[in-house]
Amino acid sequence: MCTRPISEPRAYELTNVRADQIGDSVDSMLKAKVTEREGARKQQMVYTGVSAVPGSNRLIVFAPAEYHELAAELIKMLDEE
């Protein structure tokens, strides 16, 4: 029996772009990478989600621990000047 990986929230502060401008892009790219790594069947077992917090210009990313490094890289790439 497969167990679902536990998703945990982490906040990522942005410096050059607004959180609400890139939140959907980060969410789509993260989901695509999970599907690429896990396959379409297992992707449904891995919960990921991204929420923008415009007042603090942060993204809250929900993902298993092993995907947070990837999320950080995606956010850094999109947040460059």
N, C-alpha and C. Protein backbone atom coordinates (compact mmCIF):
# COMPACT_ATOMS: atom_id res chain seq x y z
N MET A 1 0.83 -1.18 0.00
CA MET A 1 0.00 0.00 0.00
C MET A 1 0.87 1.24 0.00
N CYS A 2 0.59 2.17 -0.88
CA CYS A 2 1.35 3.42 -0.96
C CYS A 2 0.84 4.41 0.07
N THR A 3 1.77 5.08 0.71
CA THR A 3 1.36 6.13 1.63
C THR A 3 1.59 7.48 0.96
N ARG A 4 0.72 8.39 1.27
CA ARG A 4 0.80 9.73 0.70
C ARG A 4 1.89 10.51 1.44
N PRO A 5 2.83 11.14 0.70
CA PRO A 5 3.83 11.97 1.37
C PRO A 5 3.16 13.15 2.07
N ILE A 6 3.70 13.54 3.20
CA ILE A 6 3.13 14.64 3.96
C ILE A 6 3.62 15.97 3.39
N SER A 7 2.68 16.83 3.03
CA SER A 7 3.02 18.15 2.53
C SER A 7 3.13 19.10 3.72
N GLU A 8 4.13 19.95 3.67
CA GLU A 8 4.34 20.92 4.74
C GLU A 8 4.43 22.31 4.13
N PRO A 9 3.93 23.32 4.83
CA PRO A 9 4.00 24.68 4.31
C PRO A 9 5.35 25.33 4.61
N ARG A 10 5.82 26.11 3.66
CA ARG A 10 7.01 26.95 3.86
C ARG A 10 6.75 28.27 3.17
N ALA A 11 7.23 29.34 3.80
CA ALA A 11 7.07 30.68 3.24
C ALA A 11 8.34 31.09 2.50
N TYR A 12 8.14 31.71 1.35
CA TYR A 12 9.26 32.21 0.54
C TYR A 12 9.02 33.69 0.28
N GLU A 13 9.94 34.52 0.75
CA GLU A 13 9.82 35.97 0.58
C GLU A 13 10.36 36.38 -0.78
N LEU A 14 9.64 37.26 -1.44
CA LEU A 14 10.05 37.75 -2.76
C LEU A 14 10.59 39.16 -2.62
N THR A 15 11.55 39.51 -3.49
CA THR A 15 12.14 40.84 -3.42
C THR A 15 11.95 41.66 -4.68
N ASN A 16 11.77 41.02 -5.82
CA ASN A 16 11.74 41.76 -7.09
C ASN A 16 10.42 41.69 -7.84
N VAL A 17 9.57 40.74 -7.52
CA VAL A 17 8.26 40.61 -8.17
C VAL A 17 7.19 40.46 -7.09
N ARG A 18 5.96 40.71 -7.49
CA ARG A 18 4.85 40.55 -6.55
C ARG A 18 4.43 39.09 -6.49
N ALA A 19 4.11 38.66 -5.29
CA ALA A 19 3.71 37.26 -5.06
C ALA A 19 2.51 36.88 -5.93
N ASP A 20 1.54 37.79 -6.06
CA ASP A 20 0.35 37.46 -6.83
C ASP A 20 0.62 37.37 -8.33
N GLN A 21 1.77 37.88 -8.77
CA GLN A 21 2.12 37.79 -10.19
C GLN A 21 2.74 36.45 -10.57
N ILE A 22 3.39 35.78 -9.62
CA ILE A 22 4.07 34.53 -9.98
C ILE A 22 3.52 33.29 -9.28
N GLY A 23 2.58 33.47 -8.36
CA GLY A 23 2.05 32.32 -7.61
C GLY A 23 1.50 31.22 -8.50
N ASP A 24 0.69 31.58 -9.48
CA ASP A 24 0.11 30.56 -10.37
C ASP A 24 1.18 29.87 -11.21
N SER A 25 2.19 30.63 -11.64
CA SER A 25 3.28 30.04 -12.43
C SER A 25 4.08 29.04 -11.61
N VAL A 26 4.41 29.40 -10.38
CA VAL A 26 5.15 28.49 -9.51
C VAL A 26 4.33 27.23 -9.26
N ASP A 27 3.04 27.40 -9.01
CA ASP A 27 2.16 26.25 -8.78
C ASP A 27 2.15 25.31 -9.98
N SER A 28 1.99 25.86 -11.18
CA SER A 28 1.96 25.04 -12.40
C SER A 28 3.28 24.32 -12.64
N MET A 29 4.39 25.04 -12.48
CA MET A 29 5.70 24.44 -12.72
C MET A 29 6.01 23.35 -11.69
N LEU A 30 5.63 23.59 -10.44
CA LEU A 30 5.87 22.59 -9.40
C LEU A 30 5.05 21.32 -9.66
N LYS A 31 3.80 21.49 -10.02
CA LYS A 31 2.96 20.34 -10.34
C LYS A 31 3.51 19.57 -11.55
N ALA A 32 4.01 20.29 -12.55
CA ALA A 32 4.59 19.64 -13.74
C ALA A 32 5.83 18.83 -13.35
N LYS A 33 6.66 19.37 -12.47
CA LYS A 33 7.86 18.65 -12.04
C LYS A 33 7.50 17.41 -11.21
N VAL A 34 6.47 17.52 -10.39
CA VAL A 34 6.03 16.36 -9.60
C VAL A 34 5.55 15.27 -10.55
N THR A 35 4.77 15.64 -11.56
CA THR A 35 4.29 14.67 -12.54
C THR A 35 5.45 14.04 -13.29
N GLU A 36 6.44 14.85 -13.65
CA GLU A 36 7.63 14.35 -14.36
C GLU A 36 8.39 13.34 -13.50
N ARG A 37 8.55 13.64 -12.23
CA ARG A 37 9.31 12.76 -11.34
C ARG A 37 8.53 11.53 -10.89
N GLU A 38 7.26 11.72 -10.58
CA GLU A 38 6.46 10.67 -9.98
C GLU A 38 5.62 9.88 -10.98
N GLY A 39 5.37 10.46 -12.14
CA GLY A 39 4.45 9.84 -13.09
C GLY A 39 3.04 10.33 -12.81
N ALA A 40 2.21 10.27 -13.81
CA ALA A 40 0.85 10.82 -13.69
C ALA A 40 0.03 10.14 -12.60
N ARG A 41 0.18 8.83 -12.43
CA ARG A 41 -0.60 8.12 -11.41
C ARG A 41 -0.22 8.53 -10.00
N LYS A 42 1.08 8.59 -9.75
CA LYS A 42 1.54 8.93 -8.41
C LYS A 42 1.42 10.42 -8.12
N GLN A 43 1.38 11.25 -9.16
CA GLN A 43 1.28 12.70 -8.96
C GLN A 43 0.05 13.04 -8.15
N GLN A 44 -1.01 12.29 -8.33
CA GLN A 44 -2.25 12.54 -7.59
C GLN A 44 -2.08 12.25 -6.10
N MET A 45 -1.06 11.49 -5.74
CA MET A 45 -0.79 11.18 -4.34
C MET A 45 0.04 12.26 -3.65
N VAL A 46 0.64 13.16 -4.43
CA VAL A 46 1.52 14.19 -3.89
C VAL A 46 0.79 15.53 -3.94
N TYR A 47 0.43 16.07 -2.76
CA TYR A 47 -0.26 17.35 -2.73
C TYR A 47 0.74 18.49 -2.78
N THR A 48 0.55 19.38 -3.74
CA THR A 48 1.31 20.62 -3.79
C THR A 48 0.32 21.76 -4.00
N GLY A 49 0.66 22.90 -3.48
CA GLY A 49 -0.18 24.08 -3.66
C GLY A 49 0.63 25.32 -3.35
N VAL A 50 0.27 26.42 -3.98
CA VAL A 50 0.97 27.68 -3.77
C VAL A 50 -0.07 28.78 -3.54
N SER A 51 0.13 29.55 -2.48
CA SER A 51 -0.75 30.67 -2.17
C SER A 51 0.08 31.94 -2.04
N ALA A 52 -0.39 33.00 -2.66
CA ALA A 52 0.28 34.30 -2.55
C ALA A 52 -0.24 35.04 -1.32
N VAL A 53 0.67 35.70 -0.63
CA VAL A 53 0.32 36.56 0.50
C VAL A 53 0.79 37.97 0.13
N PRO A 54 -0.04 38.72 -0.61
CA PRO A 54 0.40 40.00 -1.15
C PRO A 54 0.83 41.02 -0.11
N GLY A 55 0.18 41.06 1.05
CA GLY A 55 0.54 42.05 2.07
C GLY A 55 1.98 41.92 2.54
N SER A 56 2.50 40.72 2.54
CA SER A 56 3.88 40.49 2.96
C SER A 56 4.77 40.10 1.79
N ASN A 57 4.19 40.04 0.60
CA ASN A 57 4.90 39.65 -0.63
C ASN A 57 5.64 38.33 -0.46
N ARG A 58 4.90 37.35 -0.01
CA ARG A 58 5.45 36.00 0.17
C ARG A 58 4.57 34.99 -0.54
N LEU A 59 5.19 33.87 -0.85
CA LEU A 59 4.46 32.71 -1.35
C LEU A 59 4.51 31.65 -0.27
N ILE A 60 3.37 31.04 0.00
CA ILE A 60 3.32 29.89 0.89
C ILE A 60 3.20 28.67 -0.02
N VAL A 61 4.18 27.80 0.07
CA VAL A 61 4.21 26.60 -0.76
C VAL A 61 3.94 25.39 0.13
N PHE A 62 2.95 24.61 -0.27
CA PHE A 62 2.64 23.34 0.41
C PHE A 62 3.17 22.23 -0.48
N ALA A 63 4.09 21.43 0.06
CA ALA A 63 4.69 20.34 -0.70
C ALA A 63 5.43 19.43 0.27
N PRO A 64 5.67 18.18 -0.14
CA PRO A 64 6.53 17.32 0.66
C PRO A 64 7.94 17.93 0.75
N ALA A 65 8.64 17.63 1.80
CA ALA A 65 9.97 18.22 2.05
C ALA A 65 10.90 18.10 0.85
N GLU A 66 10.87 16.96 0.17
CA GLU A 66 11.81 16.75 -0.94
C GLU A 66 11.54 17.66 -2.14
N TYR A 67 10.40 18.33 -2.17
CA TYR A 67 10.08 19.24 -3.27
C TYR A 67 10.31 20.71 -2.93
N HIS A 68 10.65 21.01 -1.70
CA HIS A 68 10.86 22.42 -1.35
C HIS A 68 12.14 22.99 -1.95
N GLU A 69 13.16 22.19 -2.13
CA GLU A 69 14.37 22.69 -2.79
C GLU A 69 14.04 23.11 -4.22
N LEU A 70 13.26 22.30 -4.90
CA LEU A 70 12.83 22.62 -6.26
C LEU A 70 11.98 23.89 -6.26
N ALA A 71 11.05 24.01 -5.31
CA ALA A 71 10.21 25.21 -5.22
C ALA A 71 11.08 26.45 -5.02
N ALA A 72 12.08 26.35 -4.14
CA ALA A 72 12.97 27.49 -3.89
C ALA A 72 13.72 27.88 -5.15
N GLU A 73 14.17 26.92 -5.93
CA GLU A 73 14.88 27.21 -7.18
C GLU A 73 13.96 27.89 -8.18
N LEU A 74 12.73 27.41 -8.31
CA LEU A 74 11.77 28.02 -9.23
C LEU A 74 11.47 29.46 -8.83
N ILE A 75 11.25 29.68 -7.54
CA ILE A 75 10.94 31.01 -7.04
C ILE A 75 12.12 31.95 -7.26
N LYS A 76 13.32 31.48 -6.96
CA LYS A 76 14.51 32.32 -7.16
C LYS A 76 14.65 32.72 -8.63
N MET A 77 14.42 31.77 -9.53
CA MET A 77 14.53 32.04 -10.96
C MET A 77 13.52 33.12 -11.38
N LEU A 78 12.29 33.02 -10.89
CA LEU A 78 11.25 33.98 -11.26
C LEU A 78 11.38 35.32 -10.55
N ASP A 79 12.09 35.35 -9.44
CA ASP A 79 12.23 36.57 -8.65
C ASP A 79 13.49 37.36 -8.98
N GLU A 80 14.26 36.91 -9.94
CA GLU A 80 15.49 37.64 -10.29
C GLU A 80 15.13 38.97 -10.94
N GLU A 81 16.03 39.93 -10.76
CA GLU A 81 15.82 41.26 -11.35
C GLU A 81 15.95 41.24 -12.84
